[in-house]
Amino acid sequence: MDISALTATTSPGGWQLRANCMGVDPELFFPERGSSTREAKEVCRGCVVSEDCLEFAIANGEKFGIWGGMSERERRRVRRARVLERRGEAAAS
């Protein structure tokens, strides 16, 4: 899925309209393999909706790009940690 998926789900007044990346070239958030993600993450830094963006990417299984200030590798770590946390909670119940 690409950035068009993000904008396609935008509803009037939705979180996407408040994102720092609105109006920024989407190519910045989908760098070539091995390229720096620093500039994209800088746009995300301080964004008031970065958590919403990150949750959108995780919920939709985004495999590419910078979402919520995180790369796919970083999002995988978050997903893994959440799974382990849920397992721990289930075991404690």
PDB file of N, CA and C in Angstrom:
ATOM      1  N   MET A   1       0.851  -1.174   0.000  1.00  0.00           N
ATOM      2  CA  MET A   1       0.000   0.000   0.000  1.00  0.00           C
ATOM      3  C   MET A   1       0.901   1.242   0.000  1.00  0.00           C
ATOM      4  N   ASP A   2       0.459   2.280  -0.669  1.00  0.00           N
ATOM      5  CA  ASP A   2       1.281   3.489  -0.716  1.00  0.00           C
ATOM      6  C   ASP A   2       0.557   4.649  -0.033  1.00  0.00           C
ATOM      7  N   ILE A   3       1.093   5.832  -0.170  1.00  0.00           N
ATOM      8  CA  ILE A   3       0.539   7.010   0.501  1.00  0.00           C
ATOM      9  C   ILE A   3      -0.885   7.295   0.049  1.00  0.00           C
ATOM     10  N   SER A   4      -1.279   6.854  -1.139  1.00  0.00           N
ATOM     11  CA  SER A   4      -2.651   7.088  -1.597  1.00  0.00           C
ATOM     12  C   SER A   4      -3.651   6.393  -0.683  1.00  0.00           C
ATOM     13  N   ALA A   5      -3.248   5.293  -0.050  1.00  0.00           N
ATOM     14  CA  ALA A   5      -4.133   4.607   0.891  1.00  0.00           C
ATOM     15  C   ALA A   5      -4.422   5.498   2.092  1.00  0.00           C
ATOM     16  N   LEU A   6      -3.435   6.238   2.503  1.00  0.00           N
ATOM     17  CA  LEU A   6      -3.609   7.149   3.627  1.00  0.00           C
ATOM     18  C   LEU A   6      -4.595   8.251   3.266  1.00  0.00           C
ATOM     19  N   THR A   7      -4.403   8.861   2.124  1.00  0.00           N
ATOM     20  CA  THR A   7      -5.268   9.969   1.746  1.00  0.00           C
ATOM     21  C   THR A   7      -6.648   9.498   1.325  1.00  0.00           C
ATOM     22  N   ALA A   8      -6.759   8.261   0.863  1.00  0.00           N
ATOM     23  CA  ALA A   8      -8.064   7.732   0.452  1.00  0.00           C
ATOM     24  C   ALA A   8      -8.987   7.548   1.644  1.00  0.00           C
ATOM     25  N   THR A   9      -8.425   7.363   2.834  1.00  0.00           N
ATOM     26  CA  THR A   9      -9.249   7.158   4.018  1.00  0.00           C
ATOM     27  C   THR A   9      -9.475   8.453   4.780  1.00  0.00           C
ATOM     28  N   THR A  10      -9.006   9.541   4.229  1.00  0.00           N
ATOM     29  CA  THR A  10      -9.161  10.814   4.905  1.00  0.00           C
ATOM     30  C   THR A  10     -10.617  11.235   4.889  1.00  0.00           C
ATOM     31  N   SER A  11     -11.136  11.487   6.072  1.00  0.00           N
ATOM     32  CA  SER A  11     -12.487  12.020   6.171  1.00  0.00           C
ATOM     33  C   SER A  11     -12.365  13.476   6.574  1.00  0.00           C
ATOM     34  N   PRO A  12     -13.377  14.278   6.265  1.00  0.00           N
ATOM     35  CA  PRO A  12     -13.298  15.687   6.646  1.00  0.00           C
ATOM     36  C   PRO A  12     -13.004  15.817   8.135  1.00  0.00           C
ATOM     37  N   GLY A  13     -11.943  16.533   8.452  1.00  0.00           N
ATOM     38  CA  GLY A  13     -11.554  16.717   9.842  1.00  0.00           C
ATOM     39  C   GLY A  13     -10.780  15.547  10.417  1.00  0.00           C
ATOM     40  N   GLY A  14     -10.432  14.562   9.587  1.00  0.00           N
ATOM     41  CA  GLY A  14      -9.698  13.393  10.066  1.00  0.00           C
ATOM     42  C   GLY A  14      -8.281  13.750  10.476  1.00  0.00           C
ATOM     43  N   TRP A  15      -7.647  12.805  11.174  1.00  0.00           N
ATOM     44  CA  TRP A  15      -6.290  13.050  11.679  1.00  0.00           C
ATOM     45  C   TRP A  15      -5.313  13.343  10.568  1.00  0.00           C
ATOM     46  N   GLN A  16      -5.528  12.765   9.382  1.00  0.00           N
ATOM     47  CA  GLN A  16      -4.585  12.954   8.275  1.00  0.00           C
ATOM     48  C   GLN A  16      -4.452  14.423   7.873  1.00  0.00           C
ATOM     49  N   LEU A  17      -5.521  15.168   8.020  1.00  0.00           N
ATOM     50  CA  LEU A  17      -5.488  16.583   7.631  1.00  0.00           C
ATOM     51  C   LEU A  17      -4.611  17.427   8.550  1.00  0.00           C
ATOM     52  N   ARG A  18      -4.302  16.901   9.736  1.00  0.00           N
ATOM     53  CA  ARG A  18      -3.459  17.631  10.692  1.00  0.00           C
ATOM     54  C   ARG A  18      -2.015  17.162  10.676  1.00  0.00           C
ATOM     55  N   ALA A  19      -1.691  16.251   9.782  1.00  0.00           N
ATOM     56  CA  ALA A  19      -0.350  15.665   9.736  1.00  0.00           C
ATOM     57  C   ALA A  19       0.677  16.644   9.169  1.00  0.00           C
ATOM     58  N   ASN A  20       1.878  16.604   9.724  1.00  0.00           N
ATOM     59  CA  ASN A  20       2.978  17.444   9.228  1.00  0.00           C
ATOM     60  C   ASN A  20       3.307  17.152   7.769  1.00  0.00           C
ATOM     61  N   CYS A  21       3.012  15.940   7.319  1.00  0.00           N
ATOM     62  CA  CYS A  21       3.408  15.538   5.973  1.00  0.00           C
ATOM     63  C   CYS A  21       2.445  16.010   4.885  1.00  0.00           C
ATOM     64  N   MET A  22       1.323  16.572   5.249  1.00  0.00           N
ATOM     65  CA  MET A  22       0.396  17.061   4.228  1.00  0.00           C
ATOM     66  C   MET A  22       1.100  18.124   3.388  1.00  0.00           C
ATOM     67  N   GLY A  23       1.098  17.932   2.104  1.00  0.00           N
ATOM     68  CA  GLY A  23       1.741  18.866   1.198  1.00  0.00           C
ATOM     69  C   GLY A  23       3.203  18.557   0.924  1.00  0.00           C
ATOM     70  N   VAL A  24       3.751  17.558   1.608  1.00  0.00           N
ATOM     71  CA  VAL A  24       5.141  17.154   1.397  1.00  0.00           C
ATOM     72  C   VAL A  24       5.155  16.054   0.346  1.00  0.00           C
ATOM     73  N   ASP A  25       6.161  16.046  -0.502  1.00  0.00           N
ATOM     74  CA  ASP A  25       6.286  15.025  -1.543  1.00  0.00           C
ATOM     75  C   ASP A  25       6.275  13.630  -0.913  1.00  0.00           C
ATOM     76  N   PRO A  26       5.296  12.783  -1.274  1.00  0.00           N
ATOM     77  CA  PRO A  26       5.206  11.438  -0.699  1.00  0.00           C
ATOM     78  C   PRO A  26       6.458  10.590  -0.922  1.00  0.00           C
ATOM     79  N   GLU A  27       7.204  10.872  -1.976  1.00  0.00           N
ATOM     80  CA  GLU A  27       8.437  10.115  -2.264  1.00  0.00           C
ATOM     81  C   GLU A  27       9.403  10.171  -1.087  1.00  0.00           C
ATOM     82  N   LEU A  28       9.351  11.258  -0.325  1.00  0.00           N
ATOM     83  CA  LEU A  28      10.234  11.401   0.826  1.00  0.00           C
ATOM     84  C   LEU A  28      10.009  10.275   1.831  1.00  0.00           C
ATOM     85  N   PHE A  29       8.776   9.803   1.944  1.00  0.00           N
ATOM     86  CA  PHE A  29       8.414   8.799   2.937  1.00  0.00           C
ATOM     87  C   PHE A  29       8.566   7.368   2.437  1.00  0.00           C
ATOM     88  N   PHE A  30       8.951   7.221   1.185  1.00  0.00           N
ATOM     89  CA  PHE A  30       9.175   5.910   0.586  1.00  0.00           C
ATOM     90  C   PHE A  30      10.546   5.898  -0.099  1.00  0.00           C
ATOM     91  N   PRO A  31      11.605   6.038   0.715  1.00  0.00           N
ATOM     92  CA  PRO A  31      12.957   6.108   0.134  1.00  0.00           C
ATOM     93  C   PRO A  31      13.373   4.772  -0.482  1.00  0.00           C
ATOM     94  N   GLU A  32      14.278   4.840  -1.425  1.00  0.00           N
ATOM     95  CA  GLU A  32      14.835   3.631  -2.035  1.00  0.00           C
ATOM     96  C   GLU A  32      15.523   2.810  -0.951  1.00  0.00           C
ATOM     97  N   ARG A  33      15.561   1.520  -1.156  1.00  0.00           N
ATOM     98  CA  ARG A  33      16.217   0.623  -0.193  1.00  0.00           C
ATOM     99  C   ARG A  33      17.647   1.096   0.060  1.00  0.00           C
ATOM    100  N   GLY A  34      17.985   1.216   1.332  1.00  0.00           N
ATOM    101  CA  GLY A  34      19.325   1.635   1.711  1.00  0.00           C
ATOM    102  C   GLY A  34      19.497   3.140   1.822  1.00  0.00           C
ATOM    103  N   SER A  35      18.500   3.906   1.367  1.00  0.00           N
ATOM    104  CA  SER A  35      18.576   5.367   1.455  1.00  0.00           C
ATOM    105  C   SER A  35      18.223   5.833   2.862  1.00  0.00           C
ATOM    106  N   SER A  36      18.615   7.028   3.154  1.00  0.00           N
ATOM    107  CA  SER A  36      18.357   7.599   4.470  1.00  0.00           C
ATOM    108  C   SER A  36      16.867   7.871   4.688  1.00  0.00           C
ATOM    109  N   THR A  37      16.433   7.636   5.908  1.00  0.00           N
ATOM    110  CA  THR A  37      15.054   7.942   6.303  1.00  0.00           C
ATOM    111  C   THR A  37      15.014   9.179   7.200  1.00  0.00           C
ATOM    112  N   ARG A  38      16.171   9.768   7.402  1.00  0.00           N
ATOM    113  CA  ARG A  38      16.298  10.879   8.346  1.00  0.00           C
ATOM    114  C   ARG A  38      15.359  12.045   8.035  1.00  0.00           C
ATOM    115  N   GLU A  39      15.303  12.463   6.770  1.00  0.00           N
ATOM    116  CA  GLU A  39      14.465  13.614   6.417  1.00  0.00           C
ATOM    117  C   GLU A  39      12.988  13.338   6.668  1.00  0.00           C
ATOM    118  N   ALA A  40      12.538  12.149   6.309  1.00  0.00           N
ATOM    119  CA  ALA A  40      11.135  11.791   6.531  1.00  0.00           C
ATOM    120  C   ALA A  40      10.826  11.769   8.022  1.00  0.00           C
ATOM    121  N   LYS A  41      11.717  11.180   8.796  1.00  0.00           N
ATOM    122  CA  LYS A  41      11.499  11.105  10.238  1.00  0.00           C
ATOM    123  C   LYS A  41      11.519  12.493  10.871  1.00  0.00           C
ATOM    124  N   GLU A  42      12.296  13.388  10.295  1.00  0.00           N
ATOM    125  CA  GLU A  42      12.339  14.769  10.791  1.00  0.00           C
ATOM    126  C   GLU A  42      10.985  15.444  10.589  1.00  0.00           C
ATOM    127  N   VAL A  43      10.322  15.188   9.458  1.00  0.00           N
ATOM    128  CA  VAL A  43       8.982  15.729   9.217  1.00  0.00           C
ATOM    129  C   VAL A  43       8.020  15.190  10.275  1.00  0.00           C
ATOM    130  N   CYS A  44       8.172  13.920  10.625  1.00  0.00           N
ATOM    131  CA  CYS A  44       7.289  13.274  11.602  1.00  0.00           C
ATOM    132  C   CYS A  44       7.527  13.762  13.028  1.00  0.00           C
ATOM    133  N   ARG A  45       8.760  14.154  13.303  1.00  0.00           N
ATOM    134  CA  ARG A  45       9.112  14.577  14.665  1.00  0.00           C
ATOM    135  C   ARG A  45       8.229  15.757  15.067  1.00  0.00           C
ATOM    136  N   GLY A  46       7.551  15.613  16.156  1.00  0.00           N
ATOM    137  CA  GLY A  46       6.699  16.692  16.660  1.00  0.00           C
ATOM    138  C   GLY A  46       5.329  16.749  16.014  1.00  0.00           C
ATOM    139  N   CYS A  47       5.034  15.836  15.118  1.00  0.00           N
ATOM    140  CA  CYS A  47       3.720  15.815  14.471  1.00  0.00           C
ATOM    141  C   CYS A  47       2.671  15.432  15.511  1.00  0.00           C
ATOM    142  N   VAL A  48       1.590  16.168  15.550  1.00  0.00           N
ATOM    143  CA  VAL A  48       0.560  15.929  16.568  1.00  0.00           C
ATOM    144  C   VAL A  48      -0.240  14.649  16.322  1.00  0.00           C
ATOM    145  N   VAL A  49      -0.138  14.089  15.123  1.00  0.00           N
ATOM    146  CA  VAL A  49      -0.893  12.873  14.820  1.00  0.00           C
ATOM    147  C   VAL A  49       0.013  11.681  14.513  1.00  0.00           C
ATOM    148  N   SER A  50       1.254  11.739  14.939  1.00  0.00           N
ATOM    149  CA  SER A  50       2.179  10.649  14.610  1.00  0.00           C
ATOM    150  C   SER A  50       1.731   9.317  15.211  1.00  0.00           C
ATOM    151  N   GLU A  51       1.123   9.337  16.384  1.00  0.00           N
ATOM    152  CA  GLU A  51       0.629   8.084  16.970  1.00  0.00           C
ATOM    153  C   GLU A  51      -0.511   7.503  16.136  1.00  0.00           C
ATOM    154  N   ASP A  52      -1.406   8.363  15.671  1.00  0.00           N
ATOM    155  CA  ASP A  52      -2.508   7.905  14.807  1.00  0.00           C
ATOM    156  C   ASP A  52      -1.957   7.312  13.520  1.00  0.00           C
ATOM    157  N   CYS A  53      -0.972   7.963  12.963  1.00  0.00           N
ATOM    158  CA  CYS A  53      -0.329   7.505  11.726  1.00  0.00           C
ATOM    159  C   CYS A  53       0.330   6.145  11.941  1.00  0.00           C
ATOM    160  N   LEU A  54       1.053   6.007  13.039  1.00  0.00           N
ATOM    161  CA  LEU A  54       1.712   4.751  13.361  1.00  0.00           C
ATOM    162  C   LEU A  54       0.680   3.638  13.532  1.00  0.00           C
ATOM    163  N   GLU A  55      -0.389   3.915  14.259  1.00  0.00           N
ATOM    164  CA  GLU A  55      -1.428   2.905  14.474  1.00  0.00           C
ATOM    165  C   GLU A  55      -2.096   2.512  13.163  1.00  0.00           C
ATOM    166  N   PHE A  56      -2.293   3.485  12.273  1.00  0.00           N
ATOM    167  CA  PHE A  56      -2.859   3.195  10.953  1.00  0.00           C
ATOM    168  C   PHE A  56      -1.965   2.210  10.210  1.00  0.00           C
ATOM    169  N   ALA A  57      -0.670   2.475  10.223  1.00  0.00           N
ATOM    170  CA  ALA A  57       0.284   1.618   9.515  1.00  0.00           C
ATOM    171  C   ALA A  57       0.323   0.216  10.108  1.00  0.00           C
ATOM    172  N   ILE A  58       0.309   0.119  11.414  1.00  0.00           N
ATOM    173  CA  ILE A  58       0.346  -1.184  12.068  1.00  0.00           C
ATOM    174  C   ILE A  58      -0.941  -1.948  11.789  1.00  0.00           C
ATOM    175  N   ALA A  59      -2.078  -1.282  11.926  1.00  0.00           N
ATOM    176  CA  ALA A  59      -3.375  -1.930  11.698  1.00  0.00           C
ATOM    177  C   ALA A  59      -3.539  -2.406  10.267  1.00  0.00           C
ATOM    178  N   ASN A  60      -2.929  -1.692   9.323  1.00  0.00           N
ATOM    179  CA  ASN A  60      -3.069  -2.027   7.912  1.00  0.00           C
ATOM    180  C   ASN A  60      -1.887  -2.816   7.357  1.00  0.00           C
ATOM    181  N   GLY A  61      -0.965  -3.200   8.226  1.00  0.00           N
ATOM    182  CA  GLY A  61       0.160  -4.020   7.809  1.00  0.00           C
ATOM    183  C   GLY A  61       1.058  -3.368   6.775  1.00  0.00           C
ATOM    184  N   GLU A  62       1.244  -2.057   6.889  1.00  0.00           N
ATOM    185  CA  GLU A  62       2.101  -1.342   5.940  1.00  0.00           C
ATOM    186  C   GLU A  62       3.514  -1.915   5.983  1.00  0.00           C
ATOM    187  N   LYS A  63       4.007  -2.335   4.850  1.00  0.00           N
ATOM    188  CA  LYS A  63       5.336  -2.942   4.779  1.00  0.00           C
ATOM    189  C   LYS A  63       6.400  -1.984   4.258  1.00  0.00           C
ATOM    190  N   PHE A  64       5.993  -0.845   3.766  1.00  0.00           N
ATOM    191  CA  PHE A  64       6.943   0.094   3.182  1.00  0.00           C
ATOM    192  C   PHE A  64       6.703   1.484   3.719  1.00  0.00           C
ATOM    193  N   GLY A  65       7.747   2.268   3.711  1.00  0.00           N
ATOM    194  CA  GLY A  65       7.632   3.680   4.032  1.00  0.00           C
ATOM    195  C   GLY A  65       7.786   4.010   5.502  1.00  0.00           C
ATOM    196  N   ILE A  66       7.822   5.302   5.733  1.00  0.00           N
ATOM    197  CA  ILE A  66       7.910   5.851   7.079  1.00  0.00           C
ATOM    198  C   ILE A  66       6.502   6.265   7.477  1.00  0.00           C
ATOM    199  N   TRP A  67       6.034   5.715   8.569  1.00  0.00           N
ATOM    200  CA  TRP A  67       4.697   6.005   9.097  1.00  0.00           C
ATOM    201  C   TRP A  67       4.853   6.289  10.584  1.00  0.00           C
ATOM    202  N   GLY A  68       4.318   7.392  11.035  1.00  0.00           N
ATOM    203  CA  GLY A  68       4.426   7.721  12.451  1.00  0.00           C
ATOM    204  C   GLY A  68       5.861   7.868  12.909  1.00  0.00           C
ATOM    205  N   GLY A  69       6.739   8.187  11.994  1.00  0.00           N
ATOM    206  CA  GLY A  69       8.145   8.374  12.331  1.00  0.00           C
ATOM    207  C   GLY A  69       8.936   7.083  12.446  1.00  0.00           C
ATOM    208  N   MET A  70       8.337   5.965  11.997  1.00  0.00           N
ATOM    209  CA  MET A  70       9.030   4.683  12.102  1.00  0.00           C
ATOM    210  C   MET A  70       9.112   3.970  10.762  1.00  0.00           C
ATOM    211  N   SER A  71      10.222   3.268  10.588  1.00  0.00           N
ATOM    212  CA  SER A  71      10.412   2.427   9.405  1.00  0.00           C
ATOM    213  C   SER A  71       9.679   1.107   9.620  1.00  0.00           C
ATOM    214  N   GLU A  72       9.600   0.292   8.587  1.00  0.00           N
ATOM    215  CA  GLU A  72       8.965  -1.021   8.720  1.00  0.00           C
ATOM    216  C   GLU A  72       9.677  -1.859   9.775  1.00  0.00           C
ATOM    217  N   ARG A  73      10.982  -1.837   9.792  1.00  0.00           N
ATOM    218  CA  ARG A  73      11.740  -2.602  10.792  1.00  0.00           C
ATOM    219  C   ARG A  73      11.353  -2.162  12.203  1.00  0.00           C
ATOM    220  N   GLU A  74      11.246  -0.867  12.415  1.00  0.00           N
ATOM    221  CA  GLU A  74      10.867  -0.351  13.733  1.00  0.00           C
ATOM    222  C   GLU A  74       9.426  -0.728  14.078  1.00  0.00           C
ATOM    223  N   ARG A  75       8.538  -0.685  13.081  1.00  0.00           N
ATOM    224  CA  ARG A  75       7.140  -1.075  13.324  1.00  0.00           C
ATOM    225  C   ARG A  75       7.033  -2.560  13.652  1.00  0.00           C
ATOM    226  N   ARG A  76       7.855  -3.378  13.006  1.00  0.00           N
ATOM    227  CA  ARG A  76       7.860  -4.820  13.320  1.00  0.00           C
ATOM    228  C   ARG A  76       8.218  -5.043  14.783  1.00  0.00           C
ATOM    229  N   ARG A  77       9.186  -4.287  15.281  1.00  0.00           N
ATOM    230  CA  ARG A  77       9.575  -4.410  16.688  1.00  0.00           C
ATOM    231  C   ARG A  77       8.400  -4.059  17.612  1.00  0.00           C
ATOM    232  N   VAL A  78       7.673  -3.005  17.246  1.00  0.00           N
ATOM    233  CA  VAL A  78       6.508  -2.599  18.044  1.00  0.00           C
ATOM    234  C   VAL A  78       5.463  -3.705  18.031  1.00  0.00           C
ATOM    235  N   ARG A  79       5.177  -4.253  16.847  1.00  0.00           N
ATOM    236  CA  ARG A  79       4.189  -5.337  16.751  1.00  0.00           C
ATOM    237  C   ARG A  79       4.617  -6.542  17.595  1.00  0.00           C
ATOM    238  N   ARG A  80       5.882  -6.926  17.484  1.00  0.00           N
ATOM    239  CA  ARG A  80       6.405  -8.063  18.246  1.00  0.00           C
ATOM    240  C   ARG A  80       6.274  -7.828  19.753  1.00  0.00           C
ATOM    241  N   ALA A  81       6.630  -6.635  20.187  1.00  0.00           N
ATOM    242  CA  ALA A  81       6.543  -6.311  21.612  1.00  0.00           C
ATOM    243  C   ALA A  81       5.096  -6.377  22.099  1.00  0.00           C
ATOM    244  N   ARG A  82       4.171  -5.928  21.274  1.00  0.00           N
ATOM    245  CA  ARG A  82       2.759  -5.983  21.655  1.00  0.00           C
ATOM    246  C   ARG A  82       2.265  -7.423  21.756  1.00  0.00           C
ATOM    247  N   VAL A  83       2.692  -8.266  20.833  1.00  0.00           N
ATOM    248  CA  VAL A  83       2.302  -9.679  20.869  1.00  0.00           C
ATOM    249  C   VAL A  83       2.832 -10.317  22.148  1.00  0.00           C
ATOM    250  N   LEU A  84       4.091 -10.074  22.464  1.00  0.00           N
ATOM    251  CA  LEU A  84       4.684 -10.640  23.669  1.00  0.00           C
ATOM    252  C   LEU A  84       3.976 -10.129  24.919  1.00  0.00           C
ATOM    253  N   GLU A  85       3.614  -8.862  24.909  1.00  0.00           N
ATOM    254  CA  GLU A  85       2.903  -8.272  26.050  1.00  0.00           C
ATOM    255  C   GLU A  85       1.539  -8.940  26.235  1.00  0.00           C
ATOM    256  N   ARG A  86       0.815  -9.124  25.117  1.00  0.00           N
ATOM    257  CA  ARG A  86      -0.495  -9.786  25.195  1.00  0.00           C
ATOM    258  C   ARG A  86      -0.365 -11.215  25.686  1.00  0.00           C
ATOM    259  N   ARG A  87       0.659 -11.912  25.202  1.00  0.00           N
ATOM    260  CA  ARG A  87       0.877 -13.283  25.662  1.00  0.00           C
ATOM    261  C   ARG A  87       1.145 -13.321  27.163  1.00  0.00           C
ATOM    262  N   GLY A  88       1.950 -12.373  27.627  1.00  0.00           N
ATOM    263  CA  GLY A  88       2.245 -12.290  29.051  1.00  0.00           C
ATOM    264  C   GLY A  88       0.993 -12.006  29.871  1.00  0.00           C
ATOM    265  N   GLU A  89       0.144 -11.125  29.365  1.00  0.00           N
ATOM    266  CA  GLU A  89      -1.108 -10.806  30.061  1.00  0.00           C
ATOM    267  C   GLU A  89      -2.033 -12.009  30.076  1.00  0.00           C
ATOM    268  N   ALA A  90      -2.096 -12.735  28.947  1.00  0.00           N
ATOM    269  CA  ALA A  90      -2.948 -13.922  28.863  1.00  0.00           C
ATOM    270  C   ALA A  90      -2.459 -15.004  29.819  1.00  0.00           C
ATOM    271  N   ALA A  91      -1.164 -15.165  29.929  1.00  0.00           N
ATOM    272  CA  ALA A  91      -0.590 -16.178  30.810  1.00  0.00           C
ATOM    273  C   ALA A  91      -0.834 -15.827  32.275  1.00  0.00           C
ATOM    274  N   ALA A  92      -0.872 -14.544  32.574  1.00  0.00           N
ATOM    275  CA  ALA A  92      -1.087 -14.089  33.943  1.00  0.00           C
ATOM    276  C   ALA A  92      -2.547 -14.212  34.371  1.00  0.00           C
ATOM    277  N   SER A  93      -3.437 -14.306  33.390  1.00  0.00           N
ATOM    278  CA  SER A  93      -4.884 -14.385  33.705  1.00  0.00           C
ATOM    279  C   SER A  93      -5.287 -15.756  34.197  1.00  0.00           C
TER     280      SER A  93
END
